[in-house]
Amino acid sequence: METGSAPDTGTAGDEPVWTGLPPRLLRMRRLLLVVWLGLLALGLGLLLGLLVEPAWAAFALLPLVLMAWGWVMLGRNWRSWRYAERADDLLISRGVLWQEETVVPYGRMQLVEVTSGPVERHFRLANVQLHTAAAATDATIPGLDPAEAERLRDRLTELGEARSAGL
């Protein structure tokens, strides 16, 4: 799935062309998992080993087990996220156990934001937040390449203005 090029919107009868999230998002999330749970395991091991008894330090392995499980789950979650631009709406699909697909009509979009925190900027990632007339259809696409996020923001804003002008 190519994230750097503009997807073909096709027609209403065609199968949507899905675009996945960049691998940098998965790397960022896994790095954060390793850092936080690694620090927790180290701190817990030192605390239990020094204050209670060295044998209790074995409980520091629990965050490491959680880290291995989280590593796999982050990969599954990352693969589940995708979006597709169609002629009249934007589709966002996500979820492993509970799969969710959001359809955001272009004419309902009121605001499209691109945001990026300090860690995301370091990994060259940005989030696209869609605000619509109905709060239930607000949606977010996390971890896009900043150029793709800006392209998507501009395209969605343009399509939203065109569709709302026709109402």
N, C-alpha and C. Protein backbone atom coordinates (compact mmCIF):
# COMPACT_ATOMS: atom_id res chain seq x y z
N MET A 1 0.84 -1.19 0.00
CA MET A 1 0.00 0.00 0.00
C MET A 1 0.87 1.24 0.00
N GLU A 2 0.78 2.00 -1.00
CA GLU A 2 1.58 3.21 -1.17
C GLU A 2 0.92 4.36 -0.43
N THR A 3 1.67 5.06 0.42
CA THR A 3 1.08 6.18 1.14
C THR A 3 1.51 7.52 0.57
N GLY A 4 2.50 7.55 -0.29
CA GLY A 4 3.01 8.81 -0.77
C GLY A 4 2.27 9.36 -1.98
N SER A 5 1.49 8.54 -2.67
CA SER A 5 0.81 9.01 -3.86
C SER A 5 -0.67 9.18 -3.60
N ALA A 6 -1.30 10.02 -4.39
CA ALA A 6 -2.73 10.26 -4.24
C ALA A 6 -3.48 9.05 -4.76
N PRO A 7 -4.40 8.50 -3.94
CA PRO A 7 -5.14 7.33 -4.37
C PRO A 7 -6.16 7.67 -5.44
N ASP A 8 -6.49 6.68 -6.27
CA ASP A 8 -7.51 6.82 -7.29
C ASP A 8 -8.86 6.72 -6.60
N THR A 9 -9.72 7.70 -6.78
CA THR A 9 -11.00 7.69 -6.08
C THR A 9 -11.99 6.76 -6.74
N GLY A 10 -11.85 6.46 -8.00
CA GLY A 10 -12.76 5.53 -8.67
C GLY A 10 -14.17 6.09 -8.75
N THR A 11 -15.12 5.22 -9.04
CA THR A 11 -16.52 5.61 -9.08
C THR A 11 -17.26 4.93 -7.96
N ALA A 12 -18.51 5.28 -7.79
CA ALA A 12 -19.28 4.77 -6.67
C ALA A 12 -19.42 3.26 -6.70
N GLY A 13 -19.45 2.62 -7.88
CA GLY A 13 -19.62 1.18 -7.97
C GLY A 13 -18.33 0.41 -7.80
N ASP A 14 -17.19 1.06 -7.90
CA ASP A 14 -15.90 0.38 -7.79
C ASP A 14 -15.59 0.06 -6.34
N GLU A 15 -14.74 -0.97 -6.18
CA GLU A 15 -14.20 -1.29 -4.86
C GLU A 15 -13.27 -0.16 -4.46
N PRO A 16 -13.32 0.32 -3.20
CA PRO A 16 -12.45 1.43 -2.80
C PRO A 16 -10.97 1.03 -2.84
N VAL A 17 -10.12 2.00 -3.12
CA VAL A 17 -8.67 1.79 -3.11
C VAL A 17 -8.18 2.19 -1.73
N TRP A 18 -7.77 1.20 -0.94
CA TRP A 18 -7.38 1.42 0.44
C TRP A 18 -5.92 1.84 0.53
N THR A 19 -5.64 2.74 1.46
CA THR A 19 -4.28 3.19 1.76
C THR A 19 -3.98 2.89 3.22
N GLY A 20 -2.87 2.23 3.48
CA GLY A 20 -2.48 1.90 4.84
C GLY A 20 -1.65 3.01 5.47
N LEU A 21 -1.30 2.81 6.72
CA LEU A 21 -0.48 3.78 7.44
C LEU A 21 1.00 3.47 7.25
N PRO A 22 1.85 4.49 7.32
CA PRO A 22 3.29 4.26 7.10
C PRO A 22 3.92 3.43 8.21
N PRO A 23 4.95 2.63 7.88
CA PRO A 23 5.63 1.80 8.88
C PRO A 23 6.28 2.61 10.00
N ARG A 24 6.57 3.88 9.77
CA ARG A 24 7.16 4.72 10.82
C ARG A 24 6.25 4.81 12.04
N LEU A 25 4.93 4.76 11.84
CA LEU A 25 4.00 4.81 12.96
C LEU A 25 4.18 3.58 13.84
N LEU A 26 4.30 2.42 13.23
CA LEU A 26 4.51 1.18 13.99
C LEU A 26 5.84 1.23 14.73
N ARG A 27 6.90 1.71 14.08
CA ARG A 27 8.20 1.83 14.75
C ARG A 27 8.13 2.77 15.94
N MET A 28 7.44 3.90 15.79
CA MET A 28 7.31 4.85 16.89
C MET A 28 6.58 4.22 18.07
N ARG A 29 5.46 3.57 17.80
CA ARG A 29 4.66 2.98 18.87
C ARG A 29 5.43 1.86 19.57
N ARG A 30 6.15 1.05 18.81
CA ARG A 30 6.92 -0.03 19.42
C ARG A 30 8.09 0.52 20.24
N LEU A 31 8.70 1.59 19.78
CA LEU A 31 9.78 2.20 20.55
C LEU A 31 9.25 2.74 21.88
N LEU A 32 8.11 3.40 21.84
CA LEU A 32 7.51 3.91 23.08
C LEU A 32 7.15 2.76 24.03
N LEU A 33 6.65 1.67 23.48
CA LEU A 33 6.34 0.50 24.30
C LEU A 33 7.58 -0.04 25.00
N VAL A 34 8.67 -0.18 24.24
CA VAL A 34 9.91 -0.72 24.80
C VAL A 34 10.48 0.22 25.85
N VAL A 35 10.47 1.52 25.57
CA VAL A 35 11.03 2.48 26.52
C VAL A 35 10.24 2.47 27.83
N TRP A 36 8.92 2.62 27.76
CA TRP A 36 8.12 2.72 28.98
C TRP A 36 8.08 1.42 29.77
N LEU A 37 7.86 0.30 29.10
CA LEU A 37 7.81 -0.96 29.84
C LEU A 37 9.20 -1.42 30.26
N GLY A 38 10.23 -1.06 29.50
CA GLY A 38 11.60 -1.36 29.92
C GLY A 38 11.97 -0.61 31.18
N LEU A 39 11.62 0.68 31.22
CA LEU A 39 11.86 1.47 32.44
C LEU A 39 11.06 0.93 33.63
N LEU A 40 9.83 0.53 33.38
CA LEU A 40 9.01 -0.04 34.45
C LEU A 40 9.63 -1.34 34.98
N ALA A 41 10.08 -2.20 34.08
CA ALA A 41 10.71 -3.47 34.51
C ALA A 41 11.98 -3.21 35.31
N LEU A 42 12.79 -2.27 34.84
CA LEU A 42 14.03 -1.93 35.54
C LEU A 42 13.74 -1.35 36.93
N GLY A 43 12.84 -0.39 36.98
CA GLY A 43 12.48 0.23 38.26
C GLY A 43 11.86 -0.76 39.22
N LEU A 44 10.96 -1.59 38.73
CA LEU A 44 10.31 -2.58 39.58
C LEU A 44 11.33 -3.60 40.09
N GLY A 45 12.23 -4.04 39.22
CA GLY A 45 13.26 -5.00 39.64
C GLY A 45 14.17 -4.42 40.70
N LEU A 46 14.62 -3.17 40.50
CA LEU A 46 15.48 -2.54 41.50
C LEU A 46 14.76 -2.30 42.82
N LEU A 47 13.53 -1.82 42.72
CA LEU A 47 12.76 -1.53 43.92
C LEU A 47 12.50 -2.79 44.74
N LEU A 48 12.04 -3.83 44.08
CA LEU A 48 11.74 -5.08 44.79
C LEU A 48 13.02 -5.76 45.28
N GLY A 49 14.06 -5.71 44.46
CA GLY A 49 15.32 -6.35 44.85
C GLY A 49 15.99 -5.67 46.02
N LEU A 50 15.91 -4.36 46.11
CA LEU A 50 16.58 -3.62 47.18
C LEU A 50 15.73 -3.50 48.44
N LEU A 51 14.43 -3.29 48.29
CA LEU A 51 13.58 -3.04 49.44
C LEU A 51 12.95 -4.28 50.05
N VAL A 52 12.66 -5.27 49.25
CA VAL A 52 11.96 -6.43 49.78
C VAL A 52 12.94 -7.60 49.91
N GLU A 53 13.19 -8.25 48.80
CA GLU A 53 14.08 -9.40 48.78
C GLU A 53 14.46 -9.65 47.32
N PRO A 54 15.69 -10.04 47.05
CA PRO A 54 16.10 -10.25 45.66
C PRO A 54 15.21 -11.22 44.88
N ALA A 55 14.63 -12.21 45.52
CA ALA A 55 13.78 -13.16 44.81
C ALA A 55 12.51 -12.48 44.26
N TRP A 56 12.05 -11.44 44.95
CA TRP A 56 10.87 -10.71 44.48
C TRP A 56 11.14 -9.94 43.20
N ALA A 57 12.38 -9.71 42.88
CA ALA A 57 12.73 -8.98 41.66
C ALA A 57 12.29 -9.73 40.40
N ALA A 58 11.97 -11.02 40.55
CA ALA A 58 11.48 -11.79 39.41
C ALA A 58 10.15 -11.23 38.88
N PHE A 59 9.41 -10.52 39.73
CA PHE A 59 8.16 -9.90 39.27
C PHE A 59 8.42 -8.81 38.23
N ALA A 60 9.65 -8.38 38.11
CA ALA A 60 9.99 -7.40 37.08
C ALA A 60 9.90 -8.00 35.69
N LEU A 61 9.78 -9.32 35.59
CA LEU A 61 9.61 -9.97 34.29
C LEU A 61 8.21 -9.76 33.72
N LEU A 62 7.25 -9.44 34.58
CA LEU A 62 5.88 -9.22 34.12
C LEU A 62 5.78 -8.10 33.08
N PRO A 63 6.39 -6.93 33.30
CA PRO A 63 6.35 -5.91 32.24
C PRO A 63 7.02 -6.38 30.94
N LEU A 64 8.01 -7.27 31.05
CA LEU A 64 8.66 -7.77 29.84
C LEU A 64 7.74 -8.71 29.06
N VAL A 65 6.95 -9.50 29.77
CA VAL A 65 5.95 -10.35 29.12
C VAL A 65 4.89 -9.47 28.47
N LEU A 66 4.47 -8.44 29.19
CA LEU A 66 3.51 -7.49 28.64
C LEU A 66 4.08 -6.80 27.41
N MET A 67 5.38 -6.52 27.40
CA MET A 67 6.03 -5.89 26.26
C MET A 67 5.96 -6.80 25.03
N ALA A 68 6.22 -8.09 25.21
CA ALA A 68 6.16 -9.03 24.08
C ALA A 68 4.75 -9.12 23.52
N TRP A 69 3.75 -9.18 24.41
CA TRP A 69 2.37 -9.23 23.97
C TRP A 69 1.99 -7.93 23.26
N GLY A 70 2.40 -6.78 23.82
CA GLY A 70 2.10 -5.48 23.22
C GLY A 70 2.75 -5.32 21.86
N TRP A 71 3.95 -5.87 21.69
CA TRP A 71 4.66 -5.79 20.40
C TRP A 71 3.81 -6.42 19.30
N VAL A 72 3.26 -7.59 19.58
CA VAL A 72 2.43 -8.29 18.59
C VAL A 72 1.13 -7.54 18.35
N MET A 73 0.50 -7.08 19.43
CA MET A 73 -0.78 -6.38 19.30
C MET A 73 -0.64 -5.06 18.54
N LEU A 74 0.46 -4.35 18.76
CA LEU A 74 0.67 -3.10 18.02
C LEU A 74 0.78 -3.37 16.52
N GLY A 75 1.45 -4.45 16.16
CA GLY A 75 1.55 -4.80 14.74
C GLY A 75 0.19 -5.12 14.14
N ARG A 76 -0.61 -5.88 14.87
CA ARG A 76 -1.95 -6.22 14.37
C ARG A 76 -2.82 -4.97 14.24
N ASN A 77 -2.74 -4.09 15.24
CA ASN A 77 -3.53 -2.86 15.19
C ASN A 77 -3.10 -1.97 14.04
N TRP A 78 -1.80 -1.83 13.84
CA TRP A 78 -1.27 -0.99 12.75
C TRP A 78 -1.76 -1.50 11.40
N ARG A 79 -1.73 -2.82 11.20
CA ARG A 79 -2.17 -3.39 9.92
C ARG A 79 -3.67 -3.19 9.70
N SER A 80 -4.45 -3.04 10.77
CA SER A 80 -5.90 -2.91 10.62
C SER A 80 -6.33 -1.52 10.15
N TRP A 81 -5.49 -0.50 10.35
CA TRP A 81 -5.86 0.87 9.98
C TRP A 81 -5.66 1.09 8.49
N ARG A 82 -6.68 1.67 7.83
CA ARG A 82 -6.58 2.03 6.42
C ARG A 82 -7.68 3.05 6.11
N TYR A 83 -7.49 3.75 5.01
CA TYR A 83 -8.50 4.72 4.59
C TYR A 83 -8.61 4.71 3.08
N ALA A 84 -9.76 5.14 2.58
CA ALA A 84 -10.00 5.18 1.14
C ALA A 84 -10.81 6.42 0.81
N GLU A 85 -10.38 7.11 -0.24
CA GLU A 85 -11.12 8.27 -0.74
C GLU A 85 -12.03 7.80 -1.86
N ARG A 86 -13.32 8.06 -1.71
CA ARG A 86 -14.27 7.72 -2.77
C ARG A 86 -14.83 9.02 -3.35
N ALA A 87 -15.73 8.90 -4.29
CA ALA A 87 -16.27 10.08 -4.97
C ALA A 87 -17.02 11.00 -4.02
N ASP A 88 -17.79 10.44 -3.07
CA ASP A 88 -18.63 11.26 -2.20
C ASP A 88 -18.27 11.22 -0.73
N ASP A 89 -17.36 10.33 -0.34
CA ASP A 89 -17.05 10.21 1.08
C ASP A 89 -15.67 9.61 1.30
N LEU A 90 -15.25 9.66 2.55
CA LEU A 90 -13.97 9.10 2.97
C LEU A 90 -14.29 7.92 3.89
N LEU A 91 -13.66 6.77 3.63
CA LEU A 91 -13.84 5.59 4.46
C LEU A 91 -12.61 5.43 5.34
N ILE A 92 -12.84 5.12 6.61
CA ILE A 92 -11.74 4.83 7.54
C ILE A 92 -12.09 3.50 8.21
N SER A 93 -11.17 2.54 8.10
CA SER A 93 -11.39 1.22 8.66
C SER A 93 -10.29 0.93 9.67
N ARG A 94 -10.67 0.32 10.80
CA ARG A 94 -9.69 0.00 11.84
C ARG A 94 -10.27 -1.08 12.74
N GLY A 95 -9.39 -1.70 13.52
CA GLY A 95 -9.82 -2.64 14.52
C GLY A 95 -9.43 -4.07 14.21
N VAL A 96 -9.05 -4.78 15.26
CA VAL A 96 -8.67 -6.18 15.13
C VAL A 96 -9.82 -7.04 15.63
N LEU A 97 -10.15 -6.94 16.90
CA LEU A 97 -11.27 -7.72 17.44
C LEU A 97 -12.61 -7.07 17.09
N TRP A 98 -12.71 -5.78 17.36
CA TRP A 98 -13.91 -5.03 17.02
C TRP A 98 -13.57 -4.16 15.82
N GLN A 99 -13.96 -4.63 14.66
CA GLN A 99 -13.66 -3.88 13.44
C GLN A 99 -14.69 -2.77 13.28
N GLU A 100 -14.17 -1.61 12.91
CA GLU A 100 -15.01 -0.43 12.78
C GLU A 100 -14.71 0.25 11.46
N GLU A 101 -15.75 0.61 10.74
CA GLU A 101 -15.58 1.35 9.50
C GLU A 101 -16.42 2.61 9.59
N THR A 102 -15.75 3.76 9.42
CA THR A 102 -16.42 5.04 9.49
C THR A 102 -16.52 5.62 8.09
N VAL A 103 -17.69 6.09 7.74
CA VAL A 103 -17.93 6.75 6.46
C VAL A 103 -18.17 8.22 6.76
N VAL A 104 -17.31 9.08 6.21
CA VAL A 104 -17.43 10.52 6.44
C VAL A 104 -17.78 11.19 5.11
N PRO A 105 -19.04 11.62 4.94
CA PRO A 105 -19.41 12.32 3.70
C PRO A 105 -18.69 13.66 3.59
N TYR A 106 -18.18 13.97 2.42
CA TYR A 106 -17.44 15.22 2.23
C TYR A 106 -18.30 16.44 2.57
N GLY A 107 -19.58 16.40 2.25
CA GLY A 107 -20.46 17.53 2.51
C GLY A 107 -20.71 17.80 3.98
N ARG A 108 -20.41 16.83 4.85
CA ARG A 108 -20.61 16.99 6.29
C ARG A 108 -19.37 17.51 7.01
N MET A 109 -18.25 17.56 6.33
CA MET A 109 -17.00 18.00 6.97
C MET A 109 -17.04 19.49 7.22
N GLN A 110 -16.74 19.85 8.47
CA GLN A 110 -16.71 21.26 8.84
C GLN A 110 -15.29 21.75 9.07
N LEU A 111 -14.42 20.86 9.54
CA LEU A 111 -13.05 21.25 9.87
C LEU A 111 -12.15 20.03 9.68
N VAL A 112 -11.00 20.25 9.05
CA VAL A 112 -9.99 19.20 8.90
C VAL A 112 -8.69 19.75 9.47
N GLU A 113 -8.18 19.08 10.52
CA GLU A 113 -6.97 19.54 11.19
C GLU A 113 -5.83 18.55 10.96
N VAL A 114 -4.62 19.08 10.88
CA VAL A 114 -3.42 18.26 10.86
C VAL A 114 -2.64 18.61 12.12
N THR A 115 -2.38 17.60 12.96
CA THR A 115 -1.66 17.82 14.20
C THR A 115 -0.47 16.87 14.27
N SER A 116 0.54 17.30 15.04
CA SER A 116 1.74 16.48 15.21
C SER A 116 2.43 16.88 16.51
N GLY A 117 2.55 15.93 17.43
CA GLY A 117 3.23 16.18 18.70
C GLY A 117 4.73 16.06 18.53
N PRO A 118 5.50 16.30 19.59
CA PRO A 118 6.96 16.27 19.48
C PRO A 118 7.53 14.91 19.08
N VAL A 119 6.98 13.83 19.62
CA VAL A 119 7.47 12.50 19.25
C VAL A 119 7.09 12.20 17.80
N GLU A 120 5.87 12.55 17.43
CA GLU A 120 5.43 12.33 16.04
C GLU A 120 6.26 13.14 15.07
N ARG A 121 6.60 14.38 15.42
CA ARG A 121 7.45 15.19 14.53
C ARG A 121 8.82 14.56 14.37
N HIS A 122 9.36 13.99 15.44
CA HIS A 122 10.66 13.33 15.36
C HIS A 122 10.61 12.16 14.36
N PHE A 123 9.49 11.46 14.33
CA PHE A 123 9.33 10.33 13.41
C PHE A 123 8.72 10.75 12.07
N ARG A 124 8.56 12.07 11.86
CA ARG A 124 7.99 12.62 10.62
C ARG A 124 6.59 12.05 10.36
N LEU A 125 5.72 12.22 11.38
CA LEU A 125 4.34 11.75 11.29
C LEU A 125 3.39 12.87 11.65
N ALA A 126 2.16 12.77 11.15
CA ALA A 126 1.11 13.75 11.46
C ALA A 126 -0.23 13.03 11.50
N ASN A 127 -1.17 13.59 12.25
CA ASN A 127 -2.52 13.04 12.36
C ASN A 127 -3.49 13.95 11.63
N VAL A 128 -4.48 13.38 10.99
CA VAL A 128 -5.55 14.15 10.36
C VAL A 128 -6.81 13.93 11.17
N GLN A 129 -7.37 15.02 11.70
CA GLN A 129 -8.60 14.97 12.51
C GLN A 129 -9.72 15.59 11.70
N LEU A 130 -10.81 14.85 11.53
CA LEU A 130 -11.96 15.31 10.76
C LEU A 130 -13.09 15.64 11.72
N HIS A 131 -13.61 16.85 11.64
CA HIS A 131 -14.76 17.27 12.45
C HIS A 131 -15.93 17.45 11.49
N THR A 132 -17.06 16.84 11.85
CA THR A 132 -18.23 16.88 10.98
C THR A 132 -19.41 17.53 11.69
N ALA A 133 -20.51 17.67 10.94
CA ALA A 133 -21.73 18.25 11.50
C ALA A 133 -22.29 17.38 12.62
N ALA A 134 -22.11 16.08 12.52
CA ALA A 134 -22.55 15.15 13.57
C ALA A 134 -21.31 14.63 14.29
N ALA A 135 -21.25 14.84 15.59
CA ALA A 135 -20.07 14.45 16.35
C ALA A 135 -19.79 12.95 16.26
N ALA A 136 -20.82 12.15 16.00
CA ALA A 136 -20.64 10.70 15.93
C ALA A 136 -19.79 10.29 14.73
N THR A 137 -19.70 11.13 13.72
CA THR A 137 -18.91 10.78 12.54
C THR A 137 -17.56 11.48 12.51
N ASP A 138 -17.17 12.14 13.60
CA ASP A 138 -15.80 12.68 13.67
C ASP A 138 -14.84 11.50 13.56
N ALA A 139 -13.70 11.73 12.94
CA ALA A 139 -12.76 10.63 12.73
C ALA A 139 -11.33 11.16 12.73
N THR A 140 -10.40 10.25 12.99
CA THR A 140 -8.98 10.57 12.98
C THR A 140 -8.24 9.53 12.16
N ILE A 141 -7.26 9.98 11.41
CA ILE A 141 -6.33 9.08 10.73
C ILE A 141 -4.96 9.37 11.33
N PRO A 142 -4.41 8.44 12.12
CA PRO A 142 -3.14 8.70 12.80
C PRO A 142 -1.93 8.36 11.95
N GLY A 143 -0.81 9.00 12.27
CA GLY A 143 0.49 8.58 11.77
C GLY A 143 0.74 8.66 10.30
N LEU A 144 0.20 9.65 9.63
CA LEU A 144 0.47 9.81 8.20
C LEU A 144 1.76 10.57 7.97
N ASP A 145 2.33 10.41 6.81
CA ASP A 145 3.45 11.24 6.38
C ASP A 145 2.93 12.68 6.33
N PRO A 146 3.68 13.68 6.82
CA PRO A 146 3.16 15.05 6.84
C PRO A 146 2.71 15.58 5.47
N ALA A 147 3.42 15.20 4.42
CA ALA A 147 3.01 15.65 3.08
C ALA A 147 1.67 15.03 2.70
N GLU A 148 1.47 13.76 3.01
CA GLU A 148 0.20 13.10 2.73
C GLU A 148 -0.91 13.69 3.60
N ALA A 149 -0.62 14.01 4.85
CA ALA A 149 -1.61 14.61 5.74
C ALA A 149 -2.06 15.97 5.19
N GLU A 150 -1.12 16.77 4.73
CA GLU A 150 -1.47 18.08 4.16
C GLU A 150 -2.25 17.92 2.86
N ARG A 151 -1.84 16.97 2.02
CA ARG A 151 -2.56 16.73 0.76
C ARG A 151 -3.99 16.30 1.06
N LEU A 152 -4.14 15.40 2.03
CA LEU A 152 -5.46 14.91 2.39
C LEU A 152 -6.31 16.03 2.99
N ARG A 153 -5.71 16.87 3.85
CA ARG A 153 -6.43 18.01 4.43
C ARG A 153 -6.92 18.95 3.33
N ASP A 154 -6.04 19.29 2.40
CA ASP A 154 -6.42 20.21 1.32
C ASP A 154 -7.51 19.61 0.43
N ARG A 155 -7.36 18.34 0.10
CA ARG A 155 -8.36 17.68 -0.76
C ARG A 155 -9.70 17.58 -0.05
N LEU A 156 -9.69 17.17 1.21
CA LEU A 156 -10.94 17.03 1.95
C LEU A 156 -11.62 18.37 2.16
N THR A 157 -10.83 19.40 2.42
CA THR A 157 -11.38 20.75 2.59
C THR A 157 -12.02 21.22 1.28
N GLU A 158 -11.32 21.00 0.18
CA GLU A 158 -11.84 21.39 -1.14
C GLU A 158 -13.13 20.64 -1.46
N LEU A 159 -13.13 19.33 -1.26
CA LEU A 159 -14.33 18.54 -1.54
C LEU A 159 -15.47 18.90 -0.59
N GLY A 160 -15.14 19.17 0.67
CA GLY A 160 -16.16 19.56 1.64
C GLY A 160 -16.83 20.86 1.28
N GLU A 161 -16.03 21.84 0.83
CA GLU A 161 -16.59 23.12 0.42
C GLU A 161 -17.45 22.98 -0.81
N ALA A 162 -17.01 22.15 -1.76
CA ALA A 162 -17.77 21.95 -2.99
C ALA A 162 -19.10 21.24 -2.70
N ARG A 163 -19.08 20.26 -1.82
CA ARG A 163 -20.31 19.49 -1.52
C ARG A 163 -21.26 20.32 -0.65
N SER A 164 -20.74 21.10 0.29
CA SER A 164 -21.63 21.89 1.14
C SER A 164 -22.23 23.07 0.37
N ALA A 165 -21.52 23.56 -0.64
CA ALA A 165 -22.06 24.67 -1.45
C ALA A 165 -23.25 24.21 -2.26
N GLY A 166 -23.32 22.92 -2.57
CA GLY A 166 -24.43 22.39 -3.36
C GLY A 166 -25.65 22.06 -2.54
N LEU A 167 -25.59 22.22 -1.22
CA LEU A 167 -26.74 21.87 -0.37
C LEU A 167 -27.84 22.87 -0.47
